[in-house]
Amino acid sequence: MALLFLGNSIFYSGRSLNMEVKYTYWEADDGLFIGYLDNYPDHFTQGHDLTELEEMLADVYQIRQEEEKRLAQKRKNGVLQLMVPA
């Protein structure tokens, strides 16, 4: 599936799905733009300008969505019993 992120729209398979994907970014001392998707703060990426950063963030989003689909079939829930000092 081809995925392209432009502003607040994701375009795929000739159709457009309007959605917002919030992200945090800053300009580093070396001039690169560093950022991460707010829903995935452990997955930093960078770009030479804000447009390139948004393209890289779109890639992160696509990879995370594919991974979520793959893991959804394997993921299980458990309950952990802990002894906590009174």
N, C-alpha and C. Protein backbone atom coordinates (compact mmCIF):
# COMPACT_ATOMS: atom_id res chain seq x y z
N MET A 1 0.85 -1.18 0.00
CA MET A 1 0.00 0.00 0.00
C MET A 1 0.89 1.23 0.00
N ALA A 2 0.71 2.11 -0.96
CA ALA A 2 1.46 3.36 -0.99
C ALA A 2 0.79 4.35 -0.05
N LEU A 3 1.60 5.01 0.76
CA LEU A 3 1.08 5.94 1.75
C LEU A 3 1.90 7.21 1.66
N LEU A 4 1.25 8.36 1.53
CA LEU A 4 1.93 9.64 1.46
C LEU A 4 1.25 10.58 2.43
N PHE A 5 2.00 11.20 3.30
CA PHE A 5 1.46 12.13 4.30
C PHE A 5 1.73 13.55 3.84
N LEU A 6 0.70 14.33 3.70
CA LEU A 6 0.83 15.75 3.37
C LEU A 6 -0.07 16.55 4.29
N GLY A 7 0.53 17.36 5.15
CA GLY A 7 -0.25 18.13 6.10
C GLY A 7 -1.06 17.22 7.00
N ASN A 8 -2.38 17.37 6.98
CA ASN A 8 -3.25 16.56 7.81
C ASN A 8 -3.97 15.47 7.03
N SER A 9 -3.49 15.14 5.84
CA SER A 9 -4.14 14.13 5.01
C SER A 9 -3.20 12.97 4.73
N ILE A 10 -3.76 11.79 4.67
CA ILE A 10 -3.02 10.62 4.25
C ILE A 10 -3.66 10.14 2.96
N PHE A 11 -2.85 9.99 1.91
CA PHE A 11 -3.35 9.55 0.62
C PHE A 11 -2.87 8.13 0.36
N TYR A 12 -3.76 7.26 -0.05
CA TYR A 12 -3.37 5.89 -0.36
C TYR A 12 -4.32 5.32 -1.39
N SER A 13 -3.79 4.49 -2.25
CA SER A 13 -4.57 3.79 -3.28
C SER A 13 -5.51 4.72 -4.04
N GLY A 14 -5.07 5.95 -4.30
CA GLY A 14 -5.89 6.88 -5.07
C GLY A 14 -7.02 7.52 -4.28
N ARG A 15 -7.10 7.24 -2.99
CA ARG A 15 -8.16 7.83 -2.15
C ARG A 15 -7.52 8.68 -1.07
N SER A 16 -8.27 9.58 -0.50
CA SER A 16 -7.78 10.44 0.56
C SER A 16 -8.57 10.20 1.83
N LEU A 17 -7.86 10.08 2.92
CA LEU A 17 -8.48 9.93 4.23
C LEU A 17 -7.99 11.09 5.07
N ASN A 18 -8.88 11.98 5.45
CA ASN A 18 -8.49 13.13 6.26
C ASN A 18 -8.40 12.71 7.72
N MET A 19 -7.25 12.94 8.30
CA MET A 19 -7.05 12.63 9.71
C MET A 19 -5.90 13.47 10.23
N GLU A 20 -5.86 13.63 11.53
CA GLU A 20 -4.75 14.35 12.16
C GLU A 20 -3.87 13.36 12.88
N VAL A 21 -2.58 13.51 12.67
CA VAL A 21 -1.59 12.73 13.39
C VAL A 21 -0.67 13.76 14.03
N LYS A 22 -0.77 13.92 15.34
CA LYS A 22 0.00 14.96 16.03
C LYS A 22 1.43 14.50 16.25
N TYR A 23 2.35 15.46 16.14
CA TYR A 23 3.75 15.17 16.36
C TYR A 23 4.42 16.34 17.06
N THR A 24 5.57 16.05 17.64
CA THR A 24 6.39 17.04 18.33
C THR A 24 7.71 17.14 17.58
N TYR A 25 8.21 18.35 17.40
CA TYR A 25 9.47 18.51 16.68
C TYR A 25 10.22 19.73 17.17
N TRP A 26 11.50 19.78 16.83
CA TRP A 26 12.35 20.91 17.13
C TRP A 26 13.50 20.94 16.13
N GLU A 27 14.14 22.11 16.03
CA GLU A 27 15.30 22.22 15.16
C GLU A 27 16.55 22.07 16.02
N ALA A 28 17.39 21.12 15.67
CA ALA A 28 18.62 20.85 16.41
C ALA A 28 19.67 21.90 16.08
N ASP A 29 20.73 21.93 16.87
CA ASP A 29 21.81 22.91 16.66
C ASP A 29 22.45 22.79 15.28
N ASP A 30 22.44 21.58 14.71
CA ASP A 30 23.04 21.38 13.38
C ASP A 30 22.07 21.70 12.24
N GLY A 31 20.86 22.20 12.57
CA GLY A 31 19.90 22.59 11.55
C GLY A 31 18.92 21.51 11.15
N LEU A 32 19.13 20.26 11.59
CA LEU A 32 18.19 19.19 11.28
C LEU A 32 16.92 19.35 12.10
N PHE A 33 15.81 18.91 11.56
CA PHE A 33 14.55 18.89 12.28
C PHE A 33 14.37 17.49 12.86
N ILE A 34 14.20 17.41 14.17
CA ILE A 34 14.04 16.15 14.89
C ILE A 34 12.60 16.09 15.38
N GLY A 35 11.99 14.91 15.32
CA GLY A 35 10.62 14.81 15.79
C GLY A 35 10.17 13.39 16.02
N TYR A 36 8.99 13.28 16.60
CA TYR A 36 8.36 11.99 16.84
C TYR A 36 6.85 12.16 16.83
N LEU A 37 6.15 11.08 16.52
CA LEU A 37 4.69 11.08 16.60
C LEU A 37 4.31 11.03 18.06
N ASP A 38 3.34 11.83 18.47
CA ASP A 38 2.97 11.88 19.89
C ASP A 38 2.50 10.52 20.41
N ASN A 39 1.90 9.71 19.56
CA ASN A 39 1.46 8.37 19.98
C ASN A 39 2.61 7.38 20.05
N TYR A 40 3.75 7.72 19.48
CA TYR A 40 4.93 6.83 19.47
C TYR A 40 6.18 7.64 19.84
N PRO A 41 6.26 8.14 21.07
CA PRO A 41 7.36 9.04 21.45
C PRO A 41 8.74 8.38 21.48
N ASP A 42 8.81 7.06 21.43
CA ASP A 42 10.10 6.38 21.43
C ASP A 42 10.69 6.22 20.04
N HIS A 43 9.99 6.68 19.02
CA HIS A 43 10.43 6.49 17.63
C HIS A 43 10.78 7.84 17.01
N PHE A 44 11.98 8.32 17.29
CA PHE A 44 12.45 9.60 16.76
C PHE A 44 12.86 9.43 15.30
N THR A 45 12.74 10.52 14.54
CA THR A 45 13.26 10.55 13.18
C THR A 45 13.71 11.98 12.89
N GLN A 46 14.30 12.20 11.73
CA GLN A 46 14.83 13.53 11.42
C GLN A 46 14.70 13.83 9.94
N GLY A 47 14.79 15.12 9.63
CA GLY A 47 14.78 15.56 8.24
C GLY A 47 15.58 16.84 8.10
N HIS A 48 16.00 17.13 6.87
CA HIS A 48 16.77 18.35 6.63
C HIS A 48 15.89 19.60 6.70
N ASP A 49 14.58 19.40 6.50
CA ASP A 49 13.62 20.50 6.64
C ASP A 49 12.32 19.90 7.16
N LEU A 50 11.35 20.75 7.43
CA LEU A 50 10.09 20.28 8.01
C LEU A 50 9.34 19.35 7.07
N THR A 51 9.40 19.60 5.78
CA THR A 51 8.73 18.73 4.81
C THR A 51 9.32 17.33 4.84
N GLU A 52 10.65 17.24 4.85
CA GLU A 52 11.29 15.93 4.90
C GLU A 52 10.99 15.23 6.23
N LEU A 53 10.97 15.99 7.32
CA LEU A 53 10.62 15.39 8.62
C LEU A 53 9.22 14.80 8.57
N GLU A 54 8.26 15.52 8.00
CA GLU A 54 6.89 15.00 7.90
C GLU A 54 6.83 13.73 7.05
N GLU A 55 7.64 13.66 5.99
CA GLU A 55 7.69 12.44 5.18
C GLU A 55 8.23 11.27 6.00
N MET A 56 9.26 11.54 6.78
CA MET A 56 9.84 10.49 7.63
C MET A 56 8.85 10.06 8.71
N LEU A 57 8.13 11.02 9.28
CA LEU A 57 7.12 10.69 10.29
C LEU A 57 6.00 9.85 9.69
N ALA A 58 5.65 10.13 8.44
CA ALA A 58 4.63 9.32 7.76
C ALA A 58 5.11 7.89 7.61
N ASP A 59 6.40 7.70 7.33
CA ASP A 59 6.97 6.36 7.24
C ASP A 59 6.88 5.65 8.60
N VAL A 60 7.20 6.38 9.67
CA VAL A 60 7.10 5.80 11.01
C VAL A 60 5.67 5.37 11.28
N TYR A 61 4.72 6.23 10.92
CA TYR A 61 3.30 5.91 11.14
C TYR A 61 2.92 4.64 10.39
N GLN A 62 3.31 4.55 9.14
CA GLN A 62 2.96 3.37 8.34
C GLN A 62 3.58 2.11 8.92
N ILE A 63 4.83 2.16 9.30
CA ILE A 63 5.51 1.00 9.87
C ILE A 63 4.84 0.58 11.17
N ARG A 64 4.52 1.53 12.02
CA ARG A 64 3.87 1.21 13.30
C ARG A 64 2.49 0.61 13.07
N GLN A 65 1.73 1.11 12.09
CA GLN A 65 0.41 0.56 11.81
C GLN A 65 0.51 -0.88 11.32
N GLU A 66 1.48 -1.15 10.45
CA GLU A 66 1.68 -2.51 9.96
C GLU A 66 2.08 -3.44 11.10
N GLU A 67 2.94 -2.95 11.99
CA GLU A 67 3.38 -3.74 13.14
C GLU A 67 2.22 -4.01 14.09
N GLU A 68 1.37 -3.01 14.30
CA GLU A 68 0.21 -3.19 15.17
C GLU A 68 -0.73 -4.27 14.62
N LYS A 69 -0.94 -4.27 13.32
CA LYS A 69 -1.79 -5.29 12.69
C LYS A 69 -1.20 -6.68 12.88
N ARG A 70 0.12 -6.78 12.68
CA ARG A 70 0.79 -8.07 12.82
C ARG A 70 0.73 -8.56 14.27
N LEU A 71 0.96 -7.66 15.22
CA LEU A 71 0.98 -8.05 16.63
C LEU A 71 -0.41 -8.29 17.20
N ALA A 72 -1.42 -7.68 16.62
CA ALA A 72 -2.78 -7.83 17.13
C ALA A 72 -3.21 -9.29 17.14
N GLN A 73 -2.71 -10.07 16.20
CA GLN A 73 -3.07 -11.49 16.12
C GLN A 73 -2.34 -12.31 17.17
N LYS A 74 -1.22 -11.82 17.68
CA LYS A 74 -0.40 -12.57 18.63
C LYS A 74 -0.53 -12.06 20.06
N ARG A 75 -0.98 -10.84 20.23
CA ARG A 75 -0.99 -10.18 21.53
C ARG A 75 -2.00 -10.84 22.47
N LYS A 76 -1.58 -11.03 23.72
CA LYS A 76 -2.43 -11.60 24.75
C LYS A 76 -2.37 -10.70 25.98
N ASN A 77 -3.37 -10.79 26.84
CA ASN A 77 -3.41 -10.02 28.08
C ASN A 77 -3.24 -10.95 29.26
N GLY A 78 -2.65 -10.45 30.32
CA GLY A 78 -2.48 -11.21 31.54
C GLY A 78 -2.73 -10.32 32.74
N VAL A 79 -2.79 -10.94 33.91
CA VAL A 79 -2.97 -10.22 35.17
C VAL A 79 -1.82 -10.61 36.07
N LEU A 80 -1.16 -9.61 36.63
CA LEU A 80 -0.01 -9.83 37.50
C LEU A 80 -0.43 -9.57 38.94
N GLN A 81 -0.22 -10.54 39.83
CA GLN A 81 -0.52 -10.40 41.25
C GLN A 81 0.77 -9.97 41.97
N LEU A 82 0.76 -8.86 42.68
CA LEU A 82 1.93 -8.36 43.36
C LEU A 82 1.70 -8.25 44.86
N MET A 83 2.73 -8.52 45.64
CA MET A 83 2.70 -8.29 47.08
C MET A 83 3.28 -6.88 47.30
N VAL A 84 2.47 -6.01 47.86
CA VAL A 84 2.89 -4.63 48.09
C VAL A 84 3.00 -4.39 49.59
N PRO A 85 4.12 -3.87 50.08
CA PRO A 85 4.26 -3.61 51.52
C PRO A 85 3.18 -2.63 51.98
N ALA A 86 2.63 -2.90 53.16
CA ALA A 86 1.58 -2.03 53.73
C ALA A 86 2.16 -0.78 54.33
